[in-house]
Amino acid sequence: MNFGTVKISEQKKLQFKLKNTANCAFFIDVRFQNNRFEEGYSPPSESHLMNVFGLDFKEGTLPANSEITVGIAFNPT
């Protein structure tokens, strides 16, 4: 997700949809994952990420043949 330019102490929120097209419910656990593997790069800690990003939905069960909209807020410090 690309939040573009967000000023410090301001917040921008984006959304995405999770859709379950199966005939059974499934459990969801939404987490942040760093996918940068550059030499010398030190990823931010999970606690730092949780202070900067917020999720409307972190975990739960998505019923069969349903969808949920998840909001992600970015608040740079």
C-alpha atoms as a PDB file:
ATOM      1  CA  MET A   1       0.000   0.000   0.000  1.00  0.00           C
ATOM      2  CA  ASN A   2       1.296   3.406  -0.882  1.00  0.00           C
ATOM      3  CA  PHE A   3       0.291   6.190   1.507  1.00  0.00           C
ATOM      4  CA  GLY A   4       2.131   8.840  -0.497  1.00  0.00           C
ATOM      5  CA  THR A   5       3.412  11.825   1.443  1.00  0.00           C
ATOM      6  CA  VAL A   6       2.009  12.125   4.949  1.00  0.00           C
ATOM      7  CA  LYS A   7       3.217  14.891   7.252  1.00  0.00           C
ATOM      8  CA  ILE A   8       4.419  14.058  10.748  1.00  0.00           C
ATOM      9  CA  SER A   9       1.536  13.998  13.246  1.00  0.00           C
ATOM     10  CA  GLU A  10      -1.031  13.796  10.443  1.00  0.00           C
ATOM     11  CA  GLN A  11      -2.870  10.607   9.585  1.00  0.00           C
ATOM     12  CA  LYS A  12      -3.869   8.954   6.336  1.00  0.00           C
ATOM     13  CA  LYS A  13      -6.126   5.933   6.131  1.00  0.00           C
ATOM     14  CA  LEU A  14      -6.419   3.422   3.283  1.00  0.00           C
ATOM     15  CA  GLN A  15      -8.641   0.385   2.990  1.00  0.00           C
ATOM     16  CA  PHE A  16      -8.551  -3.050   1.436  1.00  0.00           C
ATOM     17  CA  LYS A  17     -11.090  -5.857   1.220  1.00  0.00           C
ATOM     18  CA  LEU A  18     -10.684  -9.424   2.385  1.00  0.00           C
ATOM     19  CA  LYS A  19     -13.108 -11.761   0.654  1.00  0.00           C
ATOM     20  CA  ASN A  20     -13.880 -15.357   1.543  1.00  0.00           C
ATOM     21  CA  THR A  21     -15.328 -17.167  -1.484  1.00  0.00           C
ATOM     22  CA  ALA A  22     -15.201 -20.566   0.205  1.00  0.00           C
ATOM     23  CA  ASN A  23     -18.163 -22.411   1.695  1.00  0.00           C
ATOM     24  CA  CYS A  24     -16.564 -22.463   5.134  1.00  0.00           C
ATOM     25  CA  ALA A  25     -15.347 -19.814   7.562  1.00  0.00           C
ATOM     26  CA  PHE A  26     -11.650 -19.158   8.095  1.00  0.00           C
ATOM     27  CA  PHE A  27      -9.570 -17.421  10.757  1.00  0.00           C
ATOM     28  CA  ILE A  28      -7.611 -14.300   9.799  1.00  0.00           C
ATOM     29  CA  ASP A  29      -4.577 -12.840  11.569  1.00  0.00           C
ATOM     30  CA  VAL A  30      -3.416  -9.594   9.900  1.00  0.00           C
ATOM     31  CA  ARG A  31       0.219  -8.678  10.537  1.00  0.00           C
ATOM     32  CA  PHE A  32       2.799  -6.282   9.174  1.00  0.00           C
ATOM     33  CA  GLN A  33       5.736  -7.882   7.420  1.00  0.00           C
ATOM     34  CA  ASN A  34       8.906  -6.273   6.194  1.00  0.00           C
ATOM     35  CA  ASN A  35       9.813  -7.434   2.691  1.00  0.00           C
ATOM     36  CA  ARG A  36      12.986  -5.390   2.190  1.00  0.00           C
ATOM     37  CA  PHE A  37      16.078  -7.556   2.029  1.00  0.00           C
ATOM     38  CA  GLU A  38      18.737  -5.015   1.123  1.00  0.00           C
ATOM     39  CA  GLU A  39      22.192  -5.482   2.575  1.00  0.00           C
ATOM     40  CA  GLY A  40      22.713  -3.331   5.643  1.00  0.00           C
ATOM     41  CA  TYR A  41      18.998  -2.589   6.042  1.00  0.00           C
ATOM     42  CA  SER A  42      17.742  -2.839   9.601  1.00  0.00           C
ATOM     43  CA  PRO A  43      13.956  -3.228   9.732  1.00  0.00           C
ATOM     44  CA  PRO A  44      11.886  -1.314  12.278  1.00  0.00           C
ATOM     45  CA  SER A  45      10.766  -3.217  15.350  1.00  0.00           C
ATOM     46  CA  GLU A  46       7.241  -4.593  15.566  1.00  0.00           C
ATOM     47  CA  SER A  47       6.460  -2.221  18.458  1.00  0.00           C
ATOM     48  CA  HIS A  48       7.553   0.768  16.345  1.00  0.00           C
ATOM     49  CA  LEU A  49       5.375  -0.393  13.442  1.00  0.00           C
ATOM     50  CA  MET A  50       2.379  -0.757  15.754  1.00  0.00           C
ATOM     51  CA  ASN A  51       2.900   2.836  16.977  1.00  0.00           C
ATOM     52  CA  VAL A  52       2.925   4.180  13.412  1.00  0.00           C
ATOM     53  CA  PHE A  53       0.280   1.952  11.808  1.00  0.00           C
ATOM     54  CA  GLY A  54      -3.158   1.064  13.089  1.00  0.00           C
ATOM     55  CA  LEU A  55      -5.573  -1.605  11.887  1.00  0.00           C
ATOM     56  CA  ASP A  56      -9.370  -1.649  12.144  1.00  0.00           C
ATOM     57  CA  PHE A  57      -9.327  -5.448  12.122  1.00  0.00           C
ATOM     58  CA  LYS A  58      -6.443  -7.559  13.367  1.00  0.00           C
ATOM     59  CA  GLU A  59      -7.852 -11.022  13.783  1.00  0.00           C
ATOM     60  CA  GLY A  60     -11.083 -12.920  13.736  1.00  0.00           C
ATOM     61  CA  THR A  61     -13.201 -15.294  11.734  1.00  0.00           C
ATOM     62  CA  LEU A  62     -14.451 -14.404   8.264  1.00  0.00           C
ATOM     63  CA  PRO A  63     -17.695 -16.301   7.592  1.00  0.00           C
ATOM     64  CA  ALA A  64     -18.203 -18.316   4.441  1.00  0.00           C
ATOM     65  CA  ASN A  65     -19.016 -16.317   1.291  1.00  0.00           C
ATOM     66  CA  SER A  66     -18.470 -12.948   2.942  1.00  0.00           C
ATOM     67  CA  GLU A  67     -16.086 -10.009   2.858  1.00  0.00           C
ATOM     68  CA  ILE A  68     -14.754  -7.391   5.222  1.00  0.00           C
ATOM     69  CA  THR A  69     -13.178  -3.994   4.600  1.00  0.00           C
ATOM     70  CA  VAL A  70     -10.036  -3.404   6.653  1.00  0.00           C
ATOM     71  CA  GLY A  71      -8.700   0.082   7.284  1.00  0.00           C
ATOM     72  CA  ILE A  72      -5.025   0.811   7.804  1.00  0.00           C
ATOM     73  CA  ALA A  73      -4.082   4.145   9.327  1.00  0.00           C
ATOM     74  CA  PHE A  74      -0.593   5.624   8.934  1.00  0.00           C
ATOM     75  CA  ASN A  75       0.468   8.226  11.480  1.00  0.00           C
ATOM     76  CA  PRO A  76       4.190   9.063  11.118  1.00  0.00           C
ATOM     77  CA  THR A  77       5.990  10.259  14.213  1.00  0.00           C
END
